[in-house]
């Protein structure tokens, strides 16, 4: 089981219906990537997406997830399922 930790929420933005990450900011023009394409967009044209939309996007877009990890925007934590933990505890009882 994986858990996504957002380290830089200000870097995850939405442009129209696309969720992506802001990589660079130069003179009010942002470099915005969806994992598949890179865009140059004015800062005022971006909005902050809802957290559940962010999580769904990272779950189905591996390219964006890897890009966000490379730029320290998110971190992925591996977590054992509750069944694995309970079976582990049971062996010591």
N, C-alpha and C. Protein backbone atom coordinates (compact mmCIF):
# COMPACT_ATOMS: atom_id res chain seq x y z
N UNK A 1 0.85 -1.18 0.00
CA UNK A 1 0.00 0.00 0.00
C UNK A 1 0.90 1.24 0.00
N UNK A 2 0.56 2.20 -0.82
CA UNK A 2 1.36 3.42 -0.92
C UNK A 2 0.57 4.62 -0.41
N UNK A 3 1.32 5.55 0.15
CA UNK A 3 0.72 6.80 0.60
C UNK A 3 1.53 7.95 -0.01
N UNK A 4 0.85 8.90 -0.61
CA UNK A 4 1.51 10.04 -1.22
C UNK A 4 1.56 11.19 -0.22
N UNK A 5 2.76 11.68 0.05
CA UNK A 5 2.96 12.83 0.93
C UNK A 5 3.30 14.03 0.05
N UNK A 6 2.53 15.08 0.16
CA UNK A 6 2.78 16.29 -0.64
C UNK A 6 3.72 17.20 0.14
N UNK A 7 4.91 17.40 -0.40
CA UNK A 7 5.92 18.23 0.26
C UNK A 7 5.81 19.70 -0.12
N UNK A 8 5.42 19.96 -1.36
CA UNK A 8 5.30 21.33 -1.87
C UNK A 8 3.94 21.51 -2.53
N UNK A 9 2.88 21.73 -1.73
CA UNK A 9 1.54 21.84 -2.32
C UNK A 9 1.40 23.00 -3.30
N UNK A 10 2.19 24.04 -3.14
CA UNK A 10 2.12 25.19 -4.03
C UNK A 10 2.62 24.87 -5.43
N UNK A 11 3.30 23.73 -5.59
CA UNK A 11 3.83 23.33 -6.90
C UNK A 11 2.87 22.46 -7.69
N UNK A 12 1.79 22.00 -7.07
CA UNK A 12 0.80 21.17 -7.76
C UNK A 12 -0.38 22.07 -8.12
N UNK A 13 -0.59 22.26 -9.40
CA UNK A 13 -1.59 23.21 -9.86
C UNK A 13 -2.49 22.59 -10.92
N UNK A 14 -3.55 23.32 -11.24
CA UNK A 14 -4.49 22.90 -12.27
C UNK A 14 -4.59 23.98 -13.33
N UNK A 15 -4.52 23.56 -14.59
CA UNK A 15 -4.72 24.45 -15.73
C UNK A 15 -5.84 23.85 -16.56
N UNK A 16 -6.96 24.54 -16.62
CA UNK A 16 -8.18 24.03 -17.25
C UNK A 16 -8.54 22.71 -16.56
N UNK A 17 -8.56 21.60 -17.28
CA UNK A 17 -8.89 20.32 -16.64
C UNK A 17 -7.64 19.48 -16.35
N UNK A 18 -6.45 20.05 -16.56
CA UNK A 18 -5.21 19.30 -16.40
C UNK A 18 -4.57 19.59 -15.04
N UNK A 19 -4.16 18.52 -14.37
CA UNK A 19 -3.40 18.63 -13.13
C UNK A 19 -1.94 18.41 -13.48
N UNK A 20 -1.07 19.24 -12.92
CA UNK A 20 0.35 19.09 -13.20
C UNK A 20 1.19 19.76 -12.14
N UNK A 21 2.48 19.82 -12.39
CA UNK A 21 3.40 20.44 -11.45
C UNK A 21 4.09 21.63 -12.10
N UNK A 22 4.33 22.64 -11.29
CA UNK A 22 5.07 23.82 -11.74
C UNK A 22 6.54 23.55 -11.49
N UNK A 23 7.32 23.62 -12.56
CA UNK A 23 8.74 23.31 -12.45
C UNK A 23 9.59 24.57 -12.29
N UNK A 24 9.25 25.63 -13.02
CA UNK A 24 10.03 26.86 -12.99
C UNK A 24 9.12 28.07 -13.08
N UNK A 25 9.58 29.18 -12.54
CA UNK A 25 8.84 30.44 -12.59
C UNK A 25 9.79 31.51 -13.09
N UNK A 26 9.51 32.02 -14.30
CA UNK A 26 10.35 33.06 -14.89
C UNK A 26 9.48 34.20 -15.40
N UNK A 27 9.60 35.36 -14.80
CA UNK A 27 8.90 36.56 -15.26
C UNK A 27 7.39 36.34 -15.42
N UNK A 28 6.76 35.81 -14.40
CA UNK A 28 5.32 35.57 -14.37
C UNK A 28 4.86 34.51 -15.38
N UNK A 29 5.78 33.82 -16.00
CA UNK A 29 5.46 32.69 -16.89
C UNK A 29 5.98 31.43 -16.22
N UNK A 30 5.09 30.46 -16.02
CA UNK A 30 5.44 29.23 -15.33
C UNK A 30 5.64 28.09 -16.32
N UNK A 31 6.59 27.23 -16.01
CA UNK A 31 6.76 26.00 -16.76
C UNK A 31 5.95 24.95 -16.03
N UNK A 32 4.90 24.46 -16.69
CA UNK A 32 3.91 23.57 -16.12
C UNK A 32 3.95 22.25 -16.88
N UNK A 33 4.05 21.13 -16.17
CA UNK A 33 4.11 19.83 -16.83
C UNK A 33 3.03 18.90 -16.29
N UNK A 34 2.41 18.17 -17.21
CA UNK A 34 1.40 17.17 -16.85
C UNK A 34 2.02 15.78 -16.82
N UNK A 35 3.32 15.70 -17.03
CA UNK A 35 3.99 14.41 -17.13
C UNK A 35 4.13 13.97 -18.57
N UNK A 36 3.19 14.37 -19.42
CA UNK A 36 3.22 14.02 -20.84
C UNK A 36 3.66 15.21 -21.69
N UNK A 37 3.24 16.41 -21.29
CA UNK A 37 3.56 17.62 -22.05
C UNK A 37 4.03 18.71 -21.09
N UNK A 38 4.75 19.69 -21.66
CA UNK A 38 5.22 20.85 -20.91
C UNK A 38 4.61 22.09 -21.54
N UNK A 39 4.11 22.99 -20.69
CA UNK A 39 3.45 24.22 -21.15
C UNK A 39 4.11 25.42 -20.48
N UNK A 40 4.05 26.56 -21.15
CA UNK A 40 4.43 27.85 -20.57
C UNK A 40 3.12 28.61 -20.34
N UNK A 41 2.81 28.90 -19.08
CA UNK A 41 1.51 29.44 -18.72
C UNK A 41 1.68 30.62 -17.78
N UNK A 42 0.79 31.59 -17.91
CA UNK A 42 0.79 32.72 -16.97
C UNK A 42 0.28 32.23 -15.61
N UNK A 43 0.88 32.74 -14.57
CA UNK A 43 0.55 32.32 -13.21
C UNK A 43 -0.93 32.52 -12.88
N UNK A 44 -1.52 33.59 -13.40
CA UNK A 44 -2.92 33.90 -13.09
C UNK A 44 -3.90 32.90 -13.70
N UNK A 45 -3.46 32.09 -14.66
CA UNK A 45 -4.32 31.11 -15.32
C UNK A 45 -4.39 29.77 -14.58
N UNK A 46 -3.62 29.64 -13.50
CA UNK A 46 -3.58 28.39 -12.74
C UNK A 46 -4.43 28.49 -11.48
N UNK A 47 -4.96 27.35 -11.05
CA UNK A 47 -5.71 27.27 -9.79
C UNK A 47 -5.17 26.09 -8.99
N UNK A 48 -5.55 26.04 -7.72
CA UNK A 48 -5.16 24.92 -6.86
C UNK A 48 -6.24 23.84 -6.94
N UNK A 49 -5.86 22.61 -7.28
CA UNK A 49 -6.84 21.53 -7.36
C UNK A 49 -7.19 20.98 -5.97
N UNK A 50 -8.29 20.26 -5.90
CA UNK A 50 -8.69 19.61 -4.65
C UNK A 50 -7.76 18.43 -4.36
N UNK A 51 -7.57 18.12 -3.07
CA UNK A 51 -6.65 17.06 -2.68
C UNK A 51 -7.02 15.70 -3.25
N UNK A 52 -8.32 15.36 -3.29
CA UNK A 52 -8.70 14.06 -3.83
C UNK A 52 -8.43 13.96 -5.33
N UNK A 53 -8.53 15.08 -6.04
CA UNK A 53 -8.20 15.11 -7.46
C UNK A 53 -6.69 14.94 -7.66
N UNK A 54 -5.89 15.53 -6.79
CA UNK A 54 -4.44 15.38 -6.85
C UNK A 54 -4.07 13.90 -6.68
N UNK A 55 -4.62 13.28 -5.65
CA UNK A 55 -4.31 11.88 -5.37
C UNK A 55 -4.72 10.97 -6.53
N UNK A 56 -5.90 11.18 -7.10
CA UNK A 56 -6.35 10.38 -8.24
C UNK A 56 -5.42 10.55 -9.43
N UNK A 57 -4.97 11.78 -9.65
CA UNK A 57 -4.08 12.06 -10.78
C UNK A 57 -2.75 11.34 -10.63
N UNK A 58 -2.16 11.41 -9.44
CA UNK A 58 -0.88 10.73 -9.22
C UNK A 58 -1.03 9.22 -9.29
N UNK A 59 -2.17 8.69 -8.89
CA UNK A 59 -2.39 7.24 -8.94
C UNK A 59 -2.47 6.71 -10.37
N UNK A 60 -2.96 7.51 -11.30
CA UNK A 60 -3.10 7.01 -12.67
C UNK A 60 -2.08 7.59 -13.66
N UNK A 61 -1.25 8.54 -13.23
CA UNK A 61 -0.27 9.16 -14.13
C UNK A 61 1.14 8.95 -13.55
N UNK A 62 1.76 7.83 -13.92
CA UNK A 62 3.09 7.51 -13.40
C UNK A 62 4.15 8.50 -13.82
N UNK A 63 4.04 9.04 -15.04
CA UNK A 63 5.04 10.01 -15.51
C UNK A 63 5.03 11.26 -14.63
N UNK A 64 3.84 11.74 -14.30
CA UNK A 64 3.72 12.92 -13.44
C UNK A 64 4.22 12.60 -12.03
N UNK A 65 3.89 11.42 -11.55
CA UNK A 65 4.34 11.02 -10.21
C UNK A 65 5.87 11.01 -10.14
N UNK A 66 6.52 10.41 -11.13
CA UNK A 66 7.99 10.35 -11.14
C UNK A 66 8.60 11.74 -11.27
N UNK A 67 8.01 12.58 -12.08
CA UNK A 67 8.49 13.96 -12.22
C UNK A 67 8.38 14.71 -10.89
N UNK A 68 7.26 14.55 -10.21
CA UNK A 68 7.06 15.22 -8.91
C UNK A 68 8.04 14.70 -7.86
N UNK A 69 8.33 13.41 -7.90
CA UNK A 69 9.32 12.85 -6.97
C UNK A 69 10.70 13.41 -7.26
N UNK A 70 11.08 13.48 -8.54
CA UNK A 70 12.40 14.01 -8.93
C UNK A 70 12.59 15.45 -8.48
N UNK A 71 11.53 16.24 -8.47
CA UNK A 71 11.62 17.65 -8.10
C UNK A 71 11.24 17.89 -6.64
N UNK A 72 11.21 16.82 -5.84
CA UNK A 72 10.90 16.90 -4.40
C UNK A 72 9.58 17.59 -4.11
N UNK A 73 8.59 17.34 -4.96
CA UNK A 73 7.26 17.91 -4.76
C UNK A 73 6.40 16.94 -3.95
N UNK A 74 6.60 15.64 -4.19
CA UNK A 74 5.91 14.62 -3.41
C UNK A 74 6.90 13.55 -2.97
N UNK A 75 6.44 12.74 -2.03
CA UNK A 75 7.21 11.60 -1.55
C UNK A 75 6.22 10.43 -1.43
N UNK A 76 6.67 9.25 -1.79
CA UNK A 76 5.82 8.07 -1.69
C UNK A 76 6.31 7.22 -0.52
N UNK A 77 5.40 6.92 0.39
CA UNK A 77 5.73 6.04 1.52
C UNK A 77 5.06 4.70 1.30
N UNK A 78 5.82 3.65 1.47
CA UNK A 78 5.28 2.30 1.37
C UNK A 78 4.73 1.93 2.74
N UNK A 79 3.51 1.43 2.75
CA UNK A 79 2.88 1.02 4.00
C UNK A 79 2.35 -0.40 3.86
N UNK A 80 2.54 -1.15 4.89
CA UNK A 80 1.99 -2.51 4.90
C UNK A 80 0.49 -2.43 5.11
N UNK A 81 -0.21 -3.39 4.57
CA UNK A 81 -1.66 -3.45 4.80
C UNK A 81 -1.91 -3.88 6.24
N UNK A 82 -3.09 -3.65 6.72
CA UNK A 82 -3.44 -4.00 8.09
C UNK A 82 -3.34 -5.51 8.31
N UNK A 83 -3.65 -6.31 7.28
CA UNK A 83 -3.56 -7.77 7.40
C UNK A 83 -2.11 -8.20 7.60
N UNK A 84 -1.19 -7.59 6.88
CA UNK A 84 0.23 -7.91 7.04
C UNK A 84 0.70 -7.57 8.44
N UNK A 85 0.30 -6.42 8.93
CA UNK A 85 0.69 -6.00 10.27
C UNK A 85 0.11 -6.94 11.32
N UNK A 86 -1.16 -7.31 11.18
CA UNK A 86 -1.78 -8.19 12.16
C UNK A 86 -1.17 -9.58 12.16
N UNK A 87 -0.80 -10.08 11.00
CA UNK A 87 -0.15 -11.38 10.95
C UNK A 87 1.25 -11.31 11.56
N UNK A 88 1.92 -10.21 11.40
CA UNK A 88 3.23 -10.00 12.01
C UNK A 88 3.11 -9.99 13.54
N UNK A 89 2.14 -9.25 14.05
CA UNK A 89 1.93 -9.17 15.49
C UNK A 89 1.53 -10.54 16.05
N UNK A 90 0.74 -11.26 15.32
CA UNK A 90 0.25 -12.57 15.76
C UNK A 90 1.39 -13.57 15.96
N UNK A 91 2.44 -13.45 15.16
CA UNK A 91 3.58 -14.38 15.29
C UNK A 91 4.34 -14.18 16.60
N UNK A 92 4.21 -13.02 17.21
CA UNK A 92 4.92 -12.74 18.46
C UNK A 92 4.04 -12.93 19.70
N UNK A 93 2.80 -13.33 19.53
CA UNK A 93 1.92 -13.59 20.68
C UNK A 93 1.89 -15.03 21.05
